[in-house]
Protein backbone atom coordinates (compact mmCIF):
# COMPACT_ATOMS: atom_id res chain seq x y z
CA UNK A 1 -25.94 -7.23 -18.44
CA UNK A 2 -26.74 -7.33 -14.63
CA UNK A 3 -29.80 -6.55 -12.50
CA UNK A 4 -27.81 -4.34 -10.20
CA UNK A 5 -26.81 -0.76 -10.96
CA UNK A 6 -23.20 0.21 -10.73
CA UNK A 7 -22.33 2.74 -8.12
CA UNK A 8 -19.39 5.27 -8.05
CA UNK A 9 -17.67 2.94 -5.37
CA UNK A 10 -18.20 -0.24 -7.54
CA UNK A 11 -18.10 -0.08 -11.37
CA UNK A 12 -20.25 -2.24 -13.53
CA UNK A 13 -17.33 -4.69 -14.38
CA UNK A 14 -16.60 -5.42 -10.65
CA UNK A 15 -20.39 -6.29 -10.03
CA UNK A 16 -20.42 -8.45 -12.97
CA UNK A 17 -17.28 -10.20 -12.05
CA UNK A 18 -18.64 -10.76 -8.49
CA UNK A 19 -21.96 -12.13 -9.93
CA UNK A 20 -20.03 -14.42 -12.21
CA UNK A 21 -17.91 -15.85 -9.39
CA UNK A 22 -21.00 -16.39 -7.25
CA UNK A 23 -22.74 -18.14 -10.18
CA UNK A 24 -19.67 -20.47 -10.71
CA UNK A 25 -19.93 -21.30 -7.09
CA UNK A 26 -23.59 -22.13 -7.40
CA UNK A 27 -24.70 -19.32 -5.15
CA UNK A 28 -27.09 -16.68 -6.05
CA UNK A 29 -25.19 -13.20 -6.47
CA UNK A 30 -25.33 -10.98 -3.48
CA UNK A 31 -27.80 -8.20 -3.27
CA UNK A 32 -26.72 -4.53 -3.50
CA UNK A 33 -27.60 -4.20 0.15
CA UNK A 34 -25.55 -7.32 1.00
CA UNK A 35 -22.58 -5.81 -0.85
CA UNK A 36 -23.01 -2.47 0.97
CA UNK A 37 -22.99 -4.21 4.29
CA UNK A 38 -19.91 -6.06 3.49
CA UNK A 39 -18.17 -2.98 2.37
CA UNK A 40 -19.23 -1.18 5.52
CA UNK A 41 -17.91 -4.00 7.59
CA UNK A 42 -14.51 -3.88 5.77
CA UNK A 43 -14.50 -0.03 6.36
CA UNK A 44 -15.33 -0.56 10.04
CA UNK A 45 -12.28 -2.78 10.56
CA UNK A 46 -9.82 -0.65 8.48
CA UNK A 47 -7.23 1.36 10.41
CA UNK A 48 -5.65 4.56 9.01
CA UNK A 49 -2.27 3.04 9.75
CA UNK A 50 -3.04 0.12 7.36
CA UNK A 51 -3.99 2.56 4.56
CA UNK A 52 -0.93 4.75 5.07
CA UNK A 53 1.29 1.58 5.14
CA UNK A 54 -0.41 0.47 1.88
CA UNK A 55 0.13 3.90 0.42
CA UNK A 56 3.86 3.62 1.32
CA UNK A 57 4.20 0.34 -0.36
CA UNK A 58 2.31 1.54 -3.67
CA UNK A 59 4.69 4.58 -3.64
CA UNK A 60 7.79 2.30 -3.37
CA UNK A 61 6.40 0.02 -6.17
CA UNK A 62 5.57 2.99 -8.47
CA UNK A 63 8.67 4.77 -7.62
CA UNK A 64 10.71 1.66 -8.60
CA UNK A 65 8.87 1.48 -11.81
CA UNK A 66 9.37 5.15 -12.53
CA UNK A 67 13.17 4.85 -11.68
CA UNK A 68 13.35 1.95 -14.23
CA UNK A 69 14.32 -0.52 -11.55
CA UNK A 70 11.87 -3.32 -12.47
CA UNK A 71 12.60 -5.51 -15.54
CA UNK A 72 10.87 -3.93 -18.60
CA UNK A 73 10.41 -0.51 -17.10
CA UNK A 74 13.70 0.99 -18.16
CA UNK A 75 11.91 3.25 -20.82
CA UNK A 76 9.35 4.49 -18.18
CA UNK A 77 11.99 6.58 -16.17
CA UNK A 78 10.65 9.76 -14.81
CA UNK A 79 12.81 11.43 -12.25
CA UNK A 80 10.17 13.89 -11.17
CA UNK A 81 7.79 11.07 -10.35
CA UNK A 82 10.57 9.29 -8.49
CA UNK A 83 11.38 12.49 -6.40
CA UNK A 84 7.70 12.78 -5.55
CA UNK A 85 7.53 9.02 -4.49
CA UNK A 86 10.55 9.41 -2.32
CA UNK A 87 9.21 12.65 -0.62
CA UNK A 88 5.88 11.10 -0.08
CA UNK A 89 7.38 7.99 1.63
CA UNK A 90 9.79 10.12 3.76
CA UNK A 91 6.87 12.16 5.15
CA UNK A 92 4.53 9.13 5.62
CA UNK A 93 6.97 6.64 7.08
CA UNK A 94 7.44 8.31 10.46
CA UNK A 95 3.69 8.27 11.04
CA UNK A 96 3.53 4.33 10.82
CA UNK A 97 6.95 3.33 11.58
CA UNK A 98 5.96 2.13 15.05
CA UNK A 99 3.06 0.10 13.63
CA UNK A 100 5.28 -1.63 11.21
CA UNK A 101 7.58 -3.21 13.79
CA UNK A 102 10.42 -5.19 12.13
CA UNK A 103 8.83 -4.57 8.61
CA UNK A 104 10.02 -0.91 8.83
CA UNK A 105 13.48 -2.04 8.26
CA UNK A 106 12.81 -3.60 4.90
CA UNK A 107 10.68 -0.37 3.78
CA UNK A 108 13.59 1.78 4.77
CA UNK A 109 15.97 -0.37 2.68
CA UNK A 110 13.60 -0.16 -0.40
CA UNK A 111 13.41 3.58 0.09
CA UNK A 112 17.28 3.70 0.28
CA UNK A 113 17.53 1.81 -3.07
CA UNK A 114 14.92 4.13 -4.62
CA UNK A 115 17.09 7.12 -3.38
CA UNK A 116 20.24 5.74 -4.94
CA UNK A 117 18.38 5.14 -8.22
CA UNK A 118 17.15 8.78 -8.13
CA UNK A 119 20.64 9.96 -7.58
CA UNK A 120 21.85 7.93 -10.56
CA UNK A 121 18.89 9.39 -12.71
CA UNK A 122 19.41 13.10 -11.72
CA UNK A 123 22.87 13.54 -10.08
CA UNK A 124 20.93 14.98 -7.16
CA UNK A 125 21.18 13.41 -3.65
CA UNK A 126 17.74 12.34 -2.40
CA UNK A 127 18.35 13.35 1.11
CA UNK A 128 16.68 15.90 3.27
CA UNK A 129 15.37 18.15 0.59
CA UNK A 130 17.08 16.62 -2.60
CA UNK A 131 14.19 14.71 -3.82
CA UNK A 132 11.91 17.70 -3.36
CA UNK A 133 14.09 20.14 -4.90
CA UNK A 134 14.75 18.04 -8.04
CA UNK A 135 11.03 17.53 -8.39
CA UNK A 136 10.58 21.33 -8.37
CA UNK A 137 13.18 21.75 -11.09
CA UNK A 138 11.82 18.89 -13.09
CA UNK A 139 14.60 16.42 -12.24
CA UNK A 140 17.50 18.82 -13.34
CA UNK A 141 20.80 18.74 -11.41
CA UNK A 142 21.03 21.51 -8.63
CA UNK A 143 22.75 24.68 -9.29
CA UNK A 144 24.38 24.74 -5.82
CA UNK A 145 26.76 21.99 -4.88
CA UNK A 146 24.92 21.46 -1.61
CA UNK A 147 21.96 19.58 -3.30
CA UNK A 148 19.41 21.70 -1.57
CA UNK A 149 18.18 25.20 -1.99
CA UNK A 150 18.77 27.93 0.67
CA UNK A 151 14.99 28.58 0.83
CA UNK A 152 14.39 24.94 1.76
CA UNK A 153 17.09 24.90 4.46
CA UNK A 154 15.42 27.92 6.14
CA UNK A 155 11.99 26.24 6.36
CA UNK A 156 11.06 25.14 9.80
CA UNK A 157 10.16 21.46 10.07
CA UNK A 158 12.14 20.43 7.00
CA UNK A 159 9.78 22.17 4.57
CA UNK A 160 6.43 21.18 6.05
CA UNK A 161 3.91 23.88 6.64
CA UNK A 162 3.63 24.69 10.34
CA UNK A 163 1.14 27.11 11.91
CA UNK A 164 2.45 30.25 13.40
CA UNK A 165 3.78 33.85 12.63
């Protein structure tokens, strides 16, 4: 099939596709060494903020799908997955908000839409601890009318692990 062996970072199908593209362009396929060098160059320029931003956008997209917000995904609803997506976005967004600049507003708007969809799915407000609590209960409505558990309200740092006694 190909002269080059697949690596864990690059499956055989990807190598074959690159070689077919290069052949279509009339160029010889890149060597494994050239491909590794290109990969290393991309990693050298990649910033953690970029990866976190991409993760937030991926969580938004997958959360919207699991909330049934995208056409044709109505049968894929999974409140637990939506709650996890919301919680992940809420915790990652403050890390990259300054780097996002004016794009932060559109991400916050998308998060708000996802939280509204979560509330419609579960009857639980996806606020401070709502999404996390519902995810812990498998998407079931809360027993307490407050929407959060007493244990979550007592955790310092909003439920994040913090060092100390």
